[in-house]
Amino acid sequence: MMHESRRELRAAPELAVLAVAQGALDALVASLCARHGNIERKPPPTRPVIVLRAAQLLESLRALQHDLELYRAAVLRALRPPKLRDDDIAF
């Protein structure tokens, strides 16, 4: 799990699933890179189809990881309202 508290997980149980999904996506990215070498850059079209598909999948996975992190951050912002500082209090 990331750094969510039990209170946050009760309020937004999807955070637990997001953590599992992120772990699974990290493992998939690592396995694709291990299997196909450096596919971080777009391979030339002369490479085998499986390498091209792996590179496309890697690009999609990176976008999904980013979107999941944006969603997680939005959930946490909703659960953790900003704290008022002493100088923010109106008299």
N, C-alpha and C. Protein backbone atom coordinates (compact mmCIF):
# COMPACT_ATOMS: atom_id res chain seq x y z
N MET A 1 0.84 -1.17 0.00
CA MET A 1 0.00 0.00 0.00
C MET A 1 0.89 1.24 0.00
N MET A 2 0.36 2.33 -0.44
CA MET A 2 1.15 3.57 -0.48
C MET A 2 1.29 4.09 0.95
N HIS A 3 0.69 5.23 1.25
CA HIS A 3 0.77 5.80 2.59
C HIS A 3 -0.61 6.16 3.12
N GLU A 4 -1.62 5.43 2.68
CA GLU A 4 -2.97 5.75 3.11
C GLU A 4 -3.23 5.18 4.50
N SER A 5 -4.00 5.93 5.27
CA SER A 5 -4.35 5.47 6.61
C SER A 5 -5.58 4.55 6.53
N ARG A 6 -5.85 3.87 7.60
CA ARG A 6 -7.05 3.02 7.65
C ARG A 6 -8.30 3.86 7.45
N ARG A 7 -8.32 5.05 8.04
CA ARG A 7 -9.48 5.93 7.87
C ARG A 7 -9.69 6.26 6.40
N GLU A 8 -8.60 6.55 5.70
CA GLU A 8 -8.71 6.88 4.27
C GLU A 8 -9.16 5.67 3.46
N LEU A 9 -8.67 4.49 3.82
CA LEU A 9 -9.08 3.28 3.09
C LEU A 9 -10.54 2.94 3.35
N ARG A 10 -11.05 3.23 4.56
CA ARG A 10 -12.49 3.02 4.82
C ARG A 10 -13.32 4.00 4.00
N ALA A 11 -12.85 5.23 3.90
CA ALA A 11 -13.59 6.26 3.17
C ALA A 11 -13.49 6.06 1.65
N ALA A 12 -12.39 5.52 1.19
CA ALA A 12 -12.17 5.34 -0.26
C ALA A 12 -11.46 4.01 -0.49
N PRO A 13 -12.20 2.89 -0.43
CA PRO A 13 -11.56 1.58 -0.56
C PRO A 13 -10.87 1.36 -1.91
N GLU A 14 -11.22 2.17 -2.90
CA GLU A 14 -10.56 2.01 -4.20
C GLU A 14 -9.07 2.30 -4.11
N LEU A 15 -8.64 3.01 -3.06
CA LEU A 15 -7.21 3.26 -2.89
C LEU A 15 -6.42 1.96 -2.75
N ALA A 16 -7.01 0.97 -2.10
CA ALA A 16 -6.34 -0.33 -1.96
C ALA A 16 -6.20 -1.01 -3.32
N VAL A 17 -7.24 -0.94 -4.11
CA VAL A 17 -7.20 -1.56 -5.44
C VAL A 17 -6.22 -0.81 -6.34
N LEU A 18 -6.18 0.51 -6.21
CA LEU A 18 -5.21 1.29 -6.99
C LEU A 18 -3.78 0.89 -6.64
N ALA A 19 -3.51 0.65 -5.37
CA ALA A 19 -2.17 0.24 -4.96
C ALA A 19 -1.81 -1.12 -5.57
N VAL A 20 -2.76 -2.04 -5.56
CA VAL A 20 -2.52 -3.37 -6.16
C VAL A 20 -2.32 -3.23 -7.67
N ALA A 21 -3.15 -2.41 -8.31
CA ALA A 21 -3.04 -2.21 -9.76
C ALA A 21 -1.69 -1.59 -10.11
N GLN A 22 -1.26 -0.60 -9.33
CA GLN A 22 0.04 0.02 -9.59
C GLN A 22 1.16 -1.01 -9.47
N GLY A 23 1.08 -1.87 -8.46
CA GLY A 23 2.09 -2.91 -8.31
C GLY A 23 2.11 -3.87 -9.49
N ALA A 24 0.92 -4.26 -9.94
CA ALA A 24 0.83 -5.16 -11.09
C ALA A 24 1.36 -4.49 -12.35
N LEU A 25 1.03 -3.22 -12.54
CA LEU A 25 1.53 -2.50 -13.72
C LEU A 25 3.04 -2.35 -13.67
N ASP A 26 3.58 -2.07 -12.48
CA ASP A 26 5.04 -1.98 -12.33
C ASP A 26 5.70 -3.31 -12.71
N ALA A 27 5.11 -4.41 -12.28
CA ALA A 27 5.65 -5.73 -12.60
C ALA A 27 5.58 -6.00 -14.10
N LEU A 28 4.48 -5.60 -14.73
CA LEU A 28 4.34 -5.81 -16.18
C LEU A 28 5.36 -4.98 -16.94
N VAL A 29 5.54 -3.74 -16.54
CA VAL A 29 6.54 -2.88 -17.20
C VAL A 29 7.92 -3.51 -17.05
N ALA A 30 8.26 -3.96 -15.86
CA ALA A 30 9.58 -4.57 -15.63
C ALA A 30 9.76 -5.83 -16.47
N SER A 31 8.70 -6.63 -16.56
CA SER A 31 8.83 -7.87 -17.34
C SER A 31 8.95 -7.58 -18.84
N LEU A 32 8.25 -6.59 -19.34
CA LEU A 32 8.38 -6.22 -20.75
C LEU A 32 9.78 -5.72 -21.06
N CYS A 33 10.31 -4.90 -20.16
CA CYS A 33 11.67 -4.39 -20.37
C CYS A 33 12.70 -5.51 -20.26
N ALA A 34 12.48 -6.45 -19.35
CA ALA A 34 13.40 -7.57 -19.21
C ALA A 34 13.37 -8.46 -20.45
N ARG A 35 12.20 -8.66 -20.98
CA ARG A 35 12.03 -9.56 -22.13
C ARG A 35 12.52 -8.93 -23.43
N HIS A 36 12.25 -7.63 -23.60
CA HIS A 36 12.50 -7.00 -24.90
C HIS A 36 13.62 -5.97 -24.88
N GLY A 37 14.32 -5.87 -23.78
CA GLY A 37 15.42 -4.92 -23.71
C GLY A 37 14.92 -3.49 -23.62
N ASN A 38 15.67 -2.58 -24.18
CA ASN A 38 15.36 -1.15 -24.08
C ASN A 38 14.24 -0.79 -25.07
N ILE A 39 13.01 -0.88 -24.60
CA ILE A 39 11.88 -0.47 -25.45
C ILE A 39 11.28 0.83 -24.94
N GLU A 40 12.04 1.55 -24.11
CA GLU A 40 11.58 2.84 -23.60
C GLU A 40 11.40 3.83 -24.75
N ARG A 41 12.26 3.74 -25.73
CA ARG A 41 12.12 4.58 -26.91
C ARG A 41 11.34 3.80 -27.96
N LYS A 42 10.75 4.52 -28.87
CA LYS A 42 9.99 3.86 -29.94
C LYS A 42 10.97 3.12 -30.85
N PRO A 43 10.79 1.79 -30.97
CA PRO A 43 11.71 1.03 -31.82
C PRO A 43 11.43 1.30 -33.30
N PRO A 44 12.44 1.12 -34.13
CA PRO A 44 12.22 1.32 -35.57
C PRO A 44 11.23 0.29 -36.10
N PRO A 45 10.48 0.63 -37.14
CA PRO A 45 9.46 -0.28 -37.66
C PRO A 45 10.03 -1.58 -38.24
N THR A 46 11.33 -1.67 -38.37
CA THR A 46 11.94 -2.89 -38.88
C THR A 46 12.08 -3.97 -37.80
N ARG A 47 11.84 -3.61 -36.54
CA ARG A 47 11.93 -4.58 -35.45
C ARG A 47 10.78 -5.58 -35.55
N PRO A 48 10.89 -6.75 -34.93
CA PRO A 48 9.80 -7.73 -34.96
C PRO A 48 8.50 -7.14 -34.38
N VAL A 49 7.39 -7.65 -34.86
CA VAL A 49 6.08 -7.14 -34.45
C VAL A 49 5.91 -7.22 -32.94
N ILE A 50 6.38 -8.28 -32.32
CA ILE A 50 6.21 -8.42 -30.87
C ILE A 50 6.91 -7.29 -30.12
N VAL A 51 8.05 -6.84 -30.61
CA VAL A 51 8.77 -5.73 -29.97
C VAL A 51 8.00 -4.43 -30.16
N LEU A 52 7.45 -4.23 -31.36
CA LEU A 52 6.66 -3.03 -31.62
C LEU A 52 5.43 -2.99 -30.73
N ARG A 53 4.76 -4.14 -30.60
CA ARG A 53 3.56 -4.21 -29.74
C ARG A 53 3.94 -3.99 -28.27
N ALA A 54 5.06 -4.54 -27.85
CA ALA A 54 5.52 -4.35 -26.47
C ALA A 54 5.79 -2.87 -26.21
N ALA A 55 6.40 -2.18 -27.17
CA ALA A 55 6.67 -0.76 -27.02
C ALA A 55 5.37 0.04 -26.95
N GLN A 56 4.39 -0.32 -27.78
CA GLN A 56 3.09 0.35 -27.73
C GLN A 56 2.40 0.08 -26.40
N LEU A 57 2.48 -1.14 -25.93
CA LEU A 57 1.88 -1.50 -24.65
C LEU A 57 2.55 -0.73 -23.51
N LEU A 58 3.86 -0.64 -23.56
CA LEU A 58 4.60 0.10 -22.54
C LEU A 58 4.16 1.56 -22.49
N GLU A 59 3.97 2.15 -23.65
CA GLU A 59 3.50 3.54 -23.72
C GLU A 59 2.11 3.67 -23.09
N SER A 60 1.23 2.73 -23.39
CA SER A 60 -0.12 2.74 -22.81
C SER A 60 -0.08 2.52 -21.30
N LEU A 61 0.79 1.62 -20.86
CA LEU A 61 0.92 1.36 -19.42
C LEU A 61 1.40 2.60 -18.69
N ARG A 62 2.36 3.29 -19.25
CA ARG A 62 2.87 4.52 -18.62
C ARG A 62 1.74 5.55 -18.49
N ALA A 63 0.93 5.69 -19.54
CA ALA A 63 -0.19 6.64 -19.49
C ALA A 63 -1.20 6.21 -18.42
N LEU A 64 -1.49 4.91 -18.35
CA LEU A 64 -2.43 4.42 -17.35
C LEU A 64 -1.88 4.64 -15.95
N GLN A 65 -0.60 4.36 -15.74
CA GLN A 65 0.01 4.60 -14.42
C GLN A 65 -0.13 6.07 -14.03
N HIS A 66 0.09 6.94 -14.98
CA HIS A 66 -0.03 8.37 -14.72
C HIS A 66 -1.48 8.73 -14.35
N ASP A 67 -2.43 8.21 -15.11
CA ASP A 67 -3.84 8.50 -14.83
C ASP A 67 -4.27 7.95 -13.47
N LEU A 68 -3.81 6.76 -13.13
CA LEU A 68 -4.14 6.19 -11.82
C LEU A 68 -3.56 7.04 -10.69
N GLU A 69 -2.36 7.54 -10.89
CA GLU A 69 -1.75 8.39 -9.85
C GLU A 69 -2.50 9.72 -9.73
N LEU A 70 -2.95 10.27 -10.84
CA LEU A 70 -3.75 11.50 -10.79
C LEU A 70 -5.05 11.27 -10.03
N TYR A 71 -5.70 10.13 -10.29
CA TYR A 71 -6.94 9.81 -9.60
C TYR A 71 -6.67 9.62 -8.10
N ARG A 72 -5.62 8.88 -7.76
CA ARG A 72 -5.27 8.66 -6.36
C ARG A 72 -5.02 9.99 -5.65
N ALA A 73 -4.29 10.87 -6.31
CA ALA A 73 -4.01 12.17 -5.71
C ALA A 73 -5.30 12.97 -5.50
N ALA A 74 -6.23 12.89 -6.45
CA ALA A 74 -7.51 13.60 -6.32
C ALA A 74 -8.32 13.05 -5.15
N VAL A 75 -8.34 11.73 -5.00
CA VAL A 75 -9.06 11.11 -3.88
C VAL A 75 -8.45 11.57 -2.56
N LEU A 76 -7.13 11.53 -2.49
CA LEU A 76 -6.47 11.93 -1.25
C LEU A 76 -6.68 13.42 -0.94
N ARG A 77 -6.69 14.26 -1.98
CA ARG A 77 -6.97 15.68 -1.75
C ARG A 77 -8.37 15.87 -1.18
N ALA A 78 -9.33 15.08 -1.68
CA ALA A 78 -10.70 15.17 -1.18
C ALA A 78 -10.79 14.69 0.27
N LEU A 79 -9.97 13.71 0.63
CA LEU A 79 -10.00 13.17 1.99
C LEU A 79 -9.15 13.98 2.96
N ARG A 80 -8.22 14.73 2.43
CA ARG A 80 -7.29 15.52 3.26
C ARG A 80 -7.44 17.00 2.92
N PRO A 81 -8.49 17.62 3.45
CA PRO A 81 -8.65 19.05 3.14
C PRO A 81 -7.45 19.83 3.63
N PRO A 82 -7.14 20.93 2.95
CA PRO A 82 -5.97 21.71 3.37
C PRO A 82 -6.13 22.24 4.78
N LYS A 83 -5.04 22.23 5.50
CA LYS A 83 -5.05 22.73 6.88
C LYS A 83 -4.92 24.24 6.87
N LEU A 84 -5.69 24.88 7.71
CA LEU A 84 -5.59 26.33 7.85
C LEU A 84 -4.39 26.68 8.70
N ARG A 85 -3.67 27.69 8.26
CA ARG A 85 -2.56 28.20 9.07
C ARG A 85 -3.12 29.27 9.99
N ASP A 86 -2.39 29.58 11.02
CA ASP A 86 -2.82 30.61 11.97
C ASP A 86 -3.11 31.93 11.28
N ASP A 87 -2.31 32.27 10.28
CA ASP A 87 -2.51 33.56 9.62
C ASP A 87 -3.64 33.52 8.59
N ASP A 88 -4.27 32.34 8.38
CA ASP A 88 -5.42 32.22 7.47
C ASP A 88 -6.75 32.47 8.18
N ILE A 89 -6.75 32.55 9.50
CA ILE A 89 -7.98 32.69 10.25
C ILE A 89 -8.44 34.16 10.21
N ALA A 90 -9.66 34.37 9.76
CA ALA A 90 -10.21 35.73 9.69
C ALA A 90 -10.71 36.17 11.06
N PHE A 91 -10.49 37.42 11.40
CA PHE A 91 -10.96 37.96 12.68
C PHE A 91 -12.12 38.88 12.47
